[in-house]
Amino acid sequence: MAVKEILLYPDSRLKEVCAPIGKFDDSVRQLLQDLVDTMVDAGHSVGIAAPQIGDTRRALVVDVSGSKLGQKQKNHGLLQMVNPEIIEREGEQLVREGCMSVPDYTGNVTRAERILVQFLNRDGEFQVIRSEGFEAIAIQHELDHLNGYLFLDRVSSLKTDLFRRKQKHAPKRAVQAQPAPYKCHLFVCINDREGERKSCADGSSPQLRLKLKERLQEKGLLAEGVRVSQSKCLGLCGEGPNVLVYPQNLWYSAVTPGDVERIVGDVEKLLN
């Protein structure tokens, strides 16, 4: 059993859909214990999911009993969940969420107020529980990780519902997802109008990425710590291709070649 390193956004492994666990054996119990150890070691966490430590199996742990909100509400203490599935949702609430894999930001997210969730516990026994309040929020947040979603994907507007925070809750152990150091990172992605999350298949996306990279190179900005990558769909609404500048969170939707100069100009201003 061990405390594991925590993957940071934009690590591509955080966007993978996790596989159901078929055989319940000691490796599953070890995974659950590693999740518990890592959550406790963080000192402030109320939950963690397997992909956050680089494991693509459907497992998560939640424990809100030690938090201020959790102590004021009913909760089940430490929950260790294998193959969790929400089978009922009731109500709706707007809440502020954070994440160990996105340590620099919090965001406003809409969640169900009450849920009915089924799962296998640490002993491989089938359980169904009703959860509400902060615990229900935590379960929904961690289950999103198993489906390749971050709370960033649930934020309605990056401009109005995303907030930078101080670094006092940064993970103690973290894997840098991209080559460092870099001052900003441009992600080029396509958003499917019907909400299907997929890799960029439209030829316009790679062409746009190359054009951005060429102009940044000409301006000498790549040498100053700027990166450009093609990304899977970020789960945000809008016609593609889209460009996200991280960590400054500048968002450009329905980008055309004519927008390249504007984006490059904005990036240049960020570095000055």
Protein backbone atom coordinates (compact mmCIF):
# COMPACT_ATOMS: atom_id res chain seq x y z
CA MET A 1 0.00 0.00 0.00
CA ALA A 2 1.38 3.41 -0.89
CA VAL A 3 0.82 7.07 -1.48
CA LYS A 4 0.78 7.60 -5.25
CA GLU A 5 1.69 10.53 -7.44
CA ILE A 6 -1.25 12.63 -8.61
CA LEU A 7 -1.62 13.35 -12.32
CA LEU A 8 -2.19 16.99 -13.26
CA TYR A 9 -4.34 18.43 -16.01
CA PRO A 10 -3.75 18.46 -18.97
CA ASP A 11 -2.32 14.92 -18.72
CA SER A 12 -4.15 12.93 -21.41
CA ARG A 13 -4.65 9.97 -19.07
CA LEU A 14 -7.19 12.03 -17.12
CA LYS A 15 -9.39 12.07 -20.24
CA GLU A 16 -9.56 8.29 -20.65
CA VAL A 17 -12.74 6.32 -19.95
CA CYS A 18 -11.92 3.69 -17.33
CA ALA A 19 -12.65 0.00 -17.81
CA PRO A 20 -15.01 -1.95 -15.52
CA ILE A 21 -13.34 -4.27 -13.05
CA GLY A 22 -14.29 -7.85 -13.84
CA LYS A 23 -12.23 -9.93 -11.44
CA PHE A 24 -12.27 -8.78 -7.82
CA ASP A 25 -8.90 -9.80 -6.39
CA ASP A 26 -6.09 -8.52 -4.18
CA SER A 27 -4.94 -6.08 -6.85
CA VAL A 28 -8.30 -4.33 -6.59
CA ARG A 29 -8.04 -4.12 -2.80
CA GLN A 30 -4.52 -2.76 -3.17
CA LEU A 31 -5.78 -0.13 -5.61
CA LEU A 32 -8.48 0.92 -3.15
CA GLN A 33 -5.95 1.16 -0.33
CA ASP A 34 -3.59 3.20 -2.50
CA LEU A 35 -6.46 5.58 -3.21
CA VAL A 36 -7.27 5.90 0.49
CA ASP A 37 -3.61 6.46 1.39
CA THR A 38 -3.20 9.11 -1.31
CA MET A 39 -6.41 10.89 -0.32
CA VAL A 40 -5.45 10.97 3.36
CA ASP A 41 -1.89 12.08 2.59
CA ALA A 42 -3.20 15.09 0.66
CA GLY A 43 -4.58 16.42 3.92
CA HIS A 44 -7.54 18.26 2.40
CA SER A 45 -9.06 15.81 -0.07
CA VAL A 46 -12.53 14.26 0.28
CA GLY A 47 -12.15 11.88 -2.64
CA ILE A 48 -9.94 10.51 -5.39
CA ALA A 49 -10.47 8.29 -8.42
CA ALA A 50 -8.17 5.69 -9.96
CA PRO A 51 -7.22 7.64 -13.11
CA GLN A 52 -5.81 10.42 -10.93
CA ILE A 53 -3.03 8.02 -9.93
CA GLY A 54 -2.66 6.62 -13.44
CA ASP A 55 -4.85 3.51 -13.08
CA THR A 56 -7.62 3.12 -15.66
CA ARG A 57 -9.87 0.81 -13.64
CA ARG A 58 -13.28 1.91 -12.36
CA ALA A 59 -12.58 2.53 -8.70
CA LEU A 60 -12.84 5.53 -6.41
CA VAL A 61 -12.92 6.47 -2.74
CA VAL A 62 -14.85 9.23 -0.98
CA ASP A 63 -14.84 10.38 2.64
CA VAL A 64 -16.39 13.73 3.57
CA SER A 65 -16.67 12.95 7.29
CA GLY A 66 -13.60 14.98 8.20
CA SER A 67 -14.61 18.11 6.27
CA LYS A 68 -16.55 21.04 7.70
CA LEU A 69 -19.46 20.52 5.30
CA GLY A 70 -19.45 16.76 5.76
CA GLN A 71 -19.62 17.03 9.54
CA LYS A 72 -22.80 19.09 9.26
CA GLN A 73 -24.57 16.59 6.99
CA LYS A 74 -25.39 12.91 6.91
CA ASN A 75 -22.68 10.83 5.31
CA HIS A 76 -21.45 7.24 5.09
CA GLY A 77 -17.87 7.86 6.22
CA LEU A 78 -15.24 6.17 4.07
CA LEU A 79 -16.72 4.80 0.86
CA GLN A 80 -14.59 2.50 -1.31
CA MET A 81 -16.37 1.97 -4.62
CA VAL A 82 -15.70 -0.44 -7.45
CA ASN A 83 -17.71 -0.10 -10.68
CA PRO A 84 -19.93 2.64 -9.20
CA GLU A 85 -23.02 3.67 -11.12
CA ILE A 86 -25.58 6.36 -10.34
CA ILE A 87 -29.03 4.93 -11.00
CA GLU A 88 -31.18 7.82 -9.74
CA ARG A 89 -30.73 11.58 -9.53
CA GLU A 90 -32.94 14.15 -7.81
CA GLY A 91 -32.81 17.92 -7.68
CA GLU A 92 -30.17 20.29 -8.98
CA GLN A 93 -27.67 22.60 -7.30
CA LEU A 94 -24.86 24.91 -8.37
CA VAL A 95 -21.71 24.25 -6.35
CA ARG A 96 -18.07 25.38 -6.31
CA GLU A 97 -15.68 22.49 -6.94
CA GLY A 98 -11.94 21.97 -6.91
CA CYS A 99 -9.72 19.03 -7.79
CA MET A 100 -6.26 17.77 -6.87
CA SER A 101 -5.59 17.26 -10.59
CA VAL A 102 -6.46 20.92 -11.31
CA PRO A 103 -4.82 22.59 -8.31
CA ASP A 104 -4.84 26.15 -9.65
CA TYR A 105 -8.58 26.57 -10.12
CA THR A 106 -12.08 26.08 -8.75
CA GLY A 107 -15.28 26.30 -10.76
CA ASN A 108 -19.06 26.49 -10.57
CA VAL A 109 -20.64 23.16 -11.52
CA THR A 110 -24.24 21.92 -11.58
CA ARG A 111 -24.80 18.65 -9.68
CA ALA A 112 -27.74 16.56 -8.52
CA GLU A 113 -28.76 17.20 -4.89
CA ARG A 114 -29.50 13.55 -4.13
CA ILE A 115 -28.34 10.35 -5.82
CA LEU A 116 -28.86 6.61 -5.59
CA VAL A 117 -25.62 4.81 -6.37
CA GLN A 118 -24.73 1.12 -6.69
CA PHE A 119 -21.23 -0.34 -6.42
CA LEU A 120 -19.08 -3.14 -5.07
CA ASN A 121 -17.42 -2.39 -1.73
CA ARG A 122 -13.91 -3.33 -0.57
CA ASP A 123 -15.05 -6.91 0.11
CA GLY A 124 -16.62 -7.31 -3.31
CA GLU A 125 -20.13 -7.06 -1.88
CA PHE A 126 -22.87 -5.35 -3.88
CA GLN A 127 -24.23 -2.22 -2.22
CA VAL A 128 -26.82 0.45 -3.02
CA ILE A 129 -26.85 3.68 -1.00
CA ARG A 130 -28.67 7.01 -1.06
CA SER A 131 -26.45 10.03 -0.75
CA GLU A 132 -27.16 13.73 -0.54
CA GLY A 133 -25.46 17.06 0.01
CA PHE A 134 -21.69 17.31 0.00
CA GLU A 135 -21.16 13.55 -0.12
CA ALA A 136 -23.35 13.26 -3.23
CA ILE A 137 -21.37 16.06 -4.86
CA ALA A 138 -18.08 14.30 -4.09
CA ILE A 139 -19.32 10.99 -5.51
CA GLN A 140 -20.50 12.66 -8.71
CA HIS A 141 -17.19 14.48 -9.05
CA GLU A 142 -15.10 11.32 -8.62
CA LEU A 143 -17.35 9.24 -10.88
CA ASP A 144 -16.82 11.85 -13.59
CA HIS A 145 -13.11 11.03 -13.43
CA LEU A 146 -13.90 7.42 -14.34
CA ASN A 147 -15.66 8.66 -17.49
CA GLY A 148 -12.81 10.93 -18.54
CA TYR A 149 -14.36 14.18 -17.32
CA LEU A 150 -12.91 16.90 -15.11
CA PHE A 151 -14.95 19.59 -13.40
CA LEU A 152 -13.57 21.90 -16.11
CA ASP A 153 -15.77 20.01 -18.56
CA ARG A 154 -18.86 20.84 -16.48
CA VAL A 155 -18.18 24.56 -16.15
CA SER A 156 -20.70 26.54 -18.22
CA SER A 157 -18.37 29.45 -18.95
CA LEU A 158 -14.60 29.56 -18.57
CA LYS A 159 -14.86 33.35 -18.37
CA THR A 160 -17.43 33.65 -15.56
CA ASP A 161 -17.44 30.31 -13.70
CA LEU A 162 -13.74 29.48 -13.37
CA PHE A 163 -11.64 30.98 -10.57
CA ARG A 164 -7.91 30.97 -9.88
CA ARG A 165 -6.97 30.06 -6.31
CA LYS A 166 -3.91 30.17 -4.13
CA GLN A 167 -1.57 27.20 -4.09
CA LYS A 168 -1.93 26.19 -0.44
CA HIS A 169 -3.80 23.01 -1.48
CA ALA A 170 -1.46 21.93 -4.26
CA PRO A 171 -0.80 18.16 -4.27
CA LYS A 172 2.24 17.08 -2.31
CA ARG A 173 3.29 14.77 -5.10
CA ALA A 174 2.41 15.62 -8.65
CA VAL A 175 3.40 14.48 -12.11
CA GLN A 176 3.90 17.30 -14.59
CA ALA A 177 1.77 16.35 -17.56
CA GLN A 178 3.70 18.27 -20.23
CA PRO A 179 7.32 19.21 -20.83
CA ALA A 180 8.35 21.92 -18.39
CA PRO A 181 9.02 24.71 -17.98
CA TYR A 182 6.34 26.39 -20.11
CA LYS A 183 4.50 29.64 -19.53
CA CYS A 184 1.39 28.80 -21.49
CA HIS A 185 0.06 25.87 -23.49
CA LEU A 186 -2.29 26.08 -26.47
CA PHE A 187 -4.67 23.15 -26.93
CA VAL A 188 -6.43 22.82 -30.29
CA CYS A 189 -9.54 20.62 -30.25
CA ILE A 190 -12.78 19.86 -32.05
CA ASN A 191 -16.12 19.83 -30.22
CA ASP A 192 -18.79 17.57 -31.65
CA ARG A 193 -22.14 19.38 -31.67
CA GLU A 194 -23.91 16.28 -30.39
CA GLY A 195 -21.56 16.08 -27.42
CA GLU A 196 -19.62 13.00 -28.52
CA ARG A 197 -16.12 13.16 -27.10
CA LYS A 198 -13.59 12.10 -29.68
CA SER A 199 -10.14 12.80 -31.01
CA CYS A 200 -9.87 15.56 -33.57
CA ALA A 201 -10.69 13.95 -36.89
CA ASP A 202 -11.31 17.17 -38.84
CA GLY A 203 -8.32 18.06 -40.97
CA SER A 204 -8.74 21.73 -40.08
CA SER A 205 -7.55 21.09 -36.54
CA PRO A 206 -4.03 19.80 -37.37
CA GLN A 207 -3.67 22.56 -39.99
CA LEU A 208 -4.66 25.19 -37.46
CA ARG A 209 -2.24 23.76 -34.90
CA LEU A 210 0.63 23.88 -37.41
CA LYS A 211 -0.20 27.45 -38.42
CA LEU A 212 -0.27 28.56 -34.77
CA LYS A 213 3.03 26.82 -34.13
CA GLU A 214 4.63 28.44 -37.20
CA ARG A 215 3.57 31.95 -36.19
CA LEU A 216 4.65 31.43 -32.56
CA GLN A 217 8.00 30.17 -33.86
CA GLU A 218 8.39 33.22 -36.11
CA LYS A 219 7.66 35.49 -33.14
CA GLY A 220 10.21 33.65 -31.03
CA LEU A 221 7.56 32.69 -28.49
CA LEU A 222 8.21 28.94 -28.54
CA ALA A 223 11.66 29.64 -27.14
CA GLU A 224 10.03 31.62 -24.31
CA GLY A 225 8.06 28.66 -23.02
CA VAL A 226 4.96 28.34 -25.22
CA ARG A 227 3.64 24.93 -26.31
CA VAL A 228 1.01 23.92 -28.87
CA SER A 229 -0.81 20.56 -28.80
CA GLN A 230 -3.75 18.86 -30.44
CA SER A 231 -6.23 17.69 -27.79
CA LYS A 232 -9.25 15.50 -27.43
CA CYS A 233 -12.53 17.35 -27.11
CA LEU A 234 -12.57 19.31 -23.85
CA GLY A 235 -16.29 18.67 -23.41
CA LEU A 236 -17.22 22.34 -23.71
CA CYS A 237 -20.01 23.66 -25.93
CA GLY A 238 -19.27 25.46 -29.16
CA GLU A 239 -18.34 24.83 -32.74
CA GLY A 240 -14.83 23.65 -33.42
CA PRO A 241 -12.01 23.94 -33.88
CA ASN A 242 -11.49 25.57 -30.50
CA VAL A 243 -8.32 26.77 -28.79
CA LEU A 244 -7.69 26.87 -25.04
CA VAL A 245 -4.68 28.74 -23.67
CA TYR A 246 -3.72 27.13 -20.32
CA PRO A 247 -3.24 28.04 -17.50
CA GLN A 248 -4.44 31.56 -18.38
CA ASN A 249 -7.72 30.03 -19.62
CA LEU A 250 -8.24 32.11 -22.71
CA TRP A 251 -10.87 30.35 -24.78
CA TYR A 252 -11.42 30.80 -28.53
CA SER A 253 -14.30 29.01 -30.27
CA ALA A 254 -15.01 28.41 -33.97
CA VAL A 255 -11.44 29.45 -34.78
CA THR A 256 -10.50 30.13 -38.41
CA PRO A 257 -7.06 30.76 -39.94
CA GLY A 258 -7.91 34.45 -39.81
CA ASP A 259 -7.95 34.28 -35.99
CA VAL A 260 -4.37 33.04 -35.71
CA GLU A 261 -2.81 36.51 -35.58
CA ARG A 262 -5.21 37.60 -32.83
CA ILE A 263 -4.44 34.51 -30.73
CA VAL A 264 -0.70 34.87 -31.22
CA GLY A 265 -0.98 38.55 -30.30
CA ASP A 266 -2.85 37.68 -27.10
CA VAL A 267 -0.21 35.11 -26.17
CA GLU A 268 2.55 37.64 -26.80
CA LYS A 269 0.83 40.09 -24.43
CA LEU A 270 0.59 37.39 -21.76
CA LEU A 271 4.33 36.89 -21.80
CA ASN A 272 5.16 40.60 -21.58
